[in-house]
Amino acid sequence: MTGDIIMAGFGGQGILMIGNLLALTAMEEGKHVTYFPAYGVEMRGGTANCTVVVSDEEIGSPVVGRPKALLIMNGPSMEKFLPMLAPGGDLIINSSLVEERLVTRNDVRLLSIPADDIARNKIGSRQMASMVALGAYVARSGIVRLPTVFDCLPKVVSKKYEKFIPLNVNALKEGAALAGIHA
């Protein structure tokens, strides 16, 4: 099985963290992985993004021209990346910040989740929105197992913030439930 995804949002939304978490989780499960984050000026309030490729076989390149999945956390990211999504691909949008009317394609599988609203109202922290979205992607794609994601959280969350790991787990579970999988 091979899966690739571009994750994108505003700098500061946790996009690079969830990409790193997905990559580490896949490695923990013995899969081949590439993680390609975007650094630089884009990170300062602009669109931050990363590409993650997960495969049971060796991966030739971290560059993905037509991803099978997009995880979109804001409107500018939708405009930038939607044209790249492969036909039939999975499009997960944060409907708290992205209007469904911006989805201009009918050849994709849309999962619209109010990630910011869920993070704020159910988890108690808007910073968990990207984890809600990641939980939905993991559940929908099956590319890694959700319990392994939980186990890998301490590898990406610094000691200073480890007290928030339970919130991250809850956010991942909420996202998975929205995708139809109850963790």
Protein backbone atom coordinates (compact mmCIF):
# COMPACT_ATOMS: atom_id res chain seq x y z
CA MET A 1 0.00 0.00 0.00
CA THR A 2 1.24 3.47 -0.87
CA GLY A 3 -0.34 6.69 0.28
CA ASP A 4 0.70 10.26 -0.22
CA ILE A 5 -0.72 13.44 1.20
CA ILE A 6 -0.09 17.15 1.13
CA MET A 7 -1.05 18.86 4.38
CA ALA A 8 -1.41 22.63 4.27
CA GLY A 9 -2.55 25.57 6.36
CA PHE A 10 -1.36 28.77 7.96
CA GLY A 11 2.03 28.78 9.64
CA GLY A 12 1.39 28.04 13.31
CA GLN A 13 -1.54 25.66 12.75
CA GLY A 14 0.63 22.60 13.46
CA ILE A 15 0.88 21.37 9.87
CA LEU A 16 4.55 20.42 10.08
CA MET A 17 4.00 18.74 13.44
CA ILE A 18 1.20 16.49 12.17
CA GLY A 19 3.22 15.66 9.05
CA ASN A 20 6.17 14.72 11.21
CA LEU A 21 3.90 12.67 13.49
CA LEU A 22 2.44 10.79 10.53
CA ALA A 23 5.93 10.08 9.17
CA LEU A 24 7.27 8.86 12.52
CA THR A 25 4.20 6.68 13.04
CA ALA A 26 4.66 5.04 9.65
CA MET A 27 8.34 4.39 10.40
CA GLU A 28 7.37 2.90 13.76
CA GLU A 29 5.12 0.50 11.84
CA GLY A 30 8.04 -0.52 9.62
CA LYS A 31 6.97 1.36 6.50
CA HIS A 32 9.05 3.40 4.10
CA VAL A 33 8.48 7.13 4.50
CA THR A 34 9.41 10.50 3.07
CA TYR A 35 8.56 13.75 4.81
CA PHE A 36 9.07 16.96 2.86
CA PRO A 37 8.23 20.14 4.83
CA ALA A 38 8.12 23.66 3.41
CA TYR A 39 10.31 26.09 5.33
CA GLY A 40 11.12 29.73 4.88
CA VAL A 41 9.11 32.88 4.42
CA GLU A 42 5.88 30.90 3.94
CA MET A 43 6.02 29.94 7.60
CA ARG A 44 5.36 33.49 8.83
CA GLY A 45 1.58 33.66 8.51
CA GLY A 46 1.54 32.37 4.96
CA THR A 47 0.74 28.88 3.75
CA ALA A 48 2.84 26.20 5.44
CA ASN A 49 2.76 22.73 3.95
CA CYS A 50 4.37 19.34 3.96
CA THR A 51 4.21 16.23 1.85
CA VAL A 52 4.26 12.76 3.39
CA VAL A 53 4.61 9.56 1.37
CA VAL A 54 4.09 6.21 3.10
CA SER A 55 4.70 2.89 1.36
CA ASP A 56 5.33 -0.77 1.95
CA GLU A 57 8.03 -0.50 -0.74
CA GLU A 58 10.97 1.84 -1.28
CA ILE A 59 10.05 5.37 -2.31
CA GLY A 60 11.82 6.91 -5.29
CA SER A 61 11.14 10.59 -4.59
CA PRO A 62 9.60 12.76 -1.87
CA VAL A 63 8.08 14.99 -4.55
CA VAL A 64 4.42 14.33 -5.31
CA GLY A 65 2.79 15.95 -8.32
CA ARG A 66 -0.72 14.45 -7.98
CA PRO A 67 -1.30 13.52 -4.32
CA LYS A 68 -3.94 10.95 -3.44
CA ALA A 69 -4.99 13.06 -0.46
CA LEU A 70 -5.07 16.66 0.71
CA LEU A 71 -5.58 17.88 4.25
CA ILE A 72 -6.53 21.56 3.97
CA MET A 73 -6.75 23.79 7.04
CA ASN A 74 -7.37 27.21 5.39
CA GLY A 75 -8.72 28.90 2.26
CA PRO A 76 -5.41 29.95 0.66
CA SER A 77 -4.20 26.34 0.89
CA MET A 78 -7.34 25.15 -0.90
CA GLU A 79 -6.69 27.53 -3.78
CA LYS A 80 -3.05 26.50 -4.01
CA PHE A 81 -3.33 22.72 -3.74
CA LEU A 82 -6.81 21.59 -4.88
CA PRO A 83 -5.83 21.58 -8.58
CA MET A 84 -3.05 19.08 -7.79
CA LEU A 85 -5.27 16.44 -6.11
CA ALA A 86 -5.54 13.24 -8.13
CA PRO A 87 -9.02 12.43 -9.47
CA GLY A 88 -10.82 10.26 -6.93
CA GLY A 89 -8.50 11.53 -4.19
CA ASP A 90 -9.46 12.29 -0.61
CA LEU A 91 -9.98 15.94 0.28
CA ILE A 92 -10.22 16.68 3.99
CA ILE A 93 -11.07 20.30 4.74
CA ASN A 94 -11.33 22.28 7.94
CA SER A 95 -14.81 23.68 7.37
CA SER A 96 -14.32 26.08 10.29
CA LEU A 97 -12.02 28.10 8.00
CA VAL A 98 -12.67 26.71 4.50
CA GLU A 99 -16.04 27.11 2.84
CA GLU A 100 -17.28 24.02 1.02
CA ARG A 101 -18.23 26.20 -1.95
CA LEU A 102 -14.47 26.58 -2.59
CA VAL A 103 -14.38 22.90 -3.54
CA THR A 104 -14.62 23.36 -7.29
CA ARG A 105 -14.20 19.70 -8.21
CA ASN A 106 -16.72 16.87 -8.14
CA ASP A 107 -14.18 14.13 -8.86
CA VAL A 108 -12.81 13.99 -5.30
CA ARG A 109 -14.00 12.39 -2.05
CA LEU A 110 -14.75 15.29 0.28
CA LEU A 111 -14.68 15.01 4.06
CA SER A 112 -15.64 18.36 5.57
CA ILE A 113 -14.93 18.65 9.29
CA PRO A 114 -15.15 21.74 11.52
CA ALA A 115 -11.73 21.04 13.04
CA ASP A 116 -11.28 24.42 14.73
CA ASP A 117 -14.77 24.32 16.23
CA ILE A 118 -14.30 20.77 17.51
CA ALA A 119 -10.88 21.58 18.93
CA ARG A 120 -12.20 24.64 20.74
CA ASN A 121 -15.59 23.30 21.90
CA LYS A 122 -14.95 19.58 22.52
CA ILE A 123 -11.22 19.44 23.29
CA GLY A 124 -10.89 22.86 24.91
CA SER A 125 -7.99 24.11 22.79
CA ARG A 126 -8.12 25.51 19.27
CA GLN A 127 -4.47 24.46 18.84
CA MET A 128 -5.70 20.87 18.54
CA ALA A 129 -7.48 21.50 15.21
CA SER A 130 -4.70 19.94 13.14
CA MET A 131 -4.81 16.82 15.34
CA VAL A 132 -8.55 16.53 14.73
CA ALA A 133 -7.87 16.67 10.99
CA LEU A 134 -5.02 14.15 11.23
CA GLY A 135 -7.28 11.74 13.13
CA ALA A 136 -9.82 11.97 10.30
CA TYR A 137 -7.14 11.31 7.67
CA VAL A 138 -5.67 8.33 9.52
CA ALA A 139 -9.11 6.80 10.00
CA ARG A 140 -10.20 7.37 6.41
CA SER A 141 -6.97 6.24 4.75
CA GLY A 142 -5.91 3.40 7.04
CA ILE A 143 -2.32 4.25 6.13
CA VAL A 144 -1.25 3.81 9.79
CA ARG A 145 -2.99 2.60 12.94
CA LEU A 146 -4.40 5.20 15.31
CA PRO A 147 -3.00 3.52 18.46
CA THR A 148 0.48 3.79 16.94
CA VAL A 149 -0.11 7.51 16.38
CA PHE A 150 -0.94 7.83 20.09
CA ASP A 151 2.26 5.97 20.99
CA CYS A 152 4.37 8.29 18.80
CA LEU A 153 3.04 11.55 20.26
CA PRO A 154 5.82 11.79 22.90
CA LYS A 155 8.37 11.76 20.06
CA VAL A 156 7.00 14.96 18.52
CA VAL A 157 5.70 16.79 21.59
CA SER A 158 8.49 18.43 23.58
CA LYS A 159 8.85 17.80 27.30
CA LYS A 160 7.57 21.32 27.93
CA TYR A 161 4.23 20.41 26.35
CA GLU A 162 3.89 16.73 27.23
CA LYS A 163 1.05 17.57 29.62
CA PHE A 164 -1.02 18.23 26.47
CA ILE A 165 -0.59 14.70 25.08
CA PRO A 166 -4.00 13.59 26.45
CA LEU A 167 -5.63 16.51 24.60
CA ASN A 168 -3.85 15.43 21.42
CA VAL A 169 -5.13 11.87 21.86
CA ASN A 170 -8.69 13.15 22.38
CA ALA A 171 -8.40 15.36 19.29
CA LEU A 172 -7.18 12.44 17.18
CA LYS A 173 -10.09 10.31 18.43
CA GLU A 174 -12.61 13.05 17.62
CA GLY A 175 -11.25 13.30 14.08
CA ALA A 176 -11.32 9.54 13.63
CA ALA A 177 -14.94 9.44 14.80
CA LEU A 178 -15.85 12.07 12.20
CA ALA A 179 -14.38 9.83 9.53
CA GLY A 180 -16.56 6.98 10.77
CA ILE A 181 -14.03 5.11 12.88
CA HIS A 182 -14.45 5.10 16.64
CA ALA A 183 -11.10 4.81 18.43
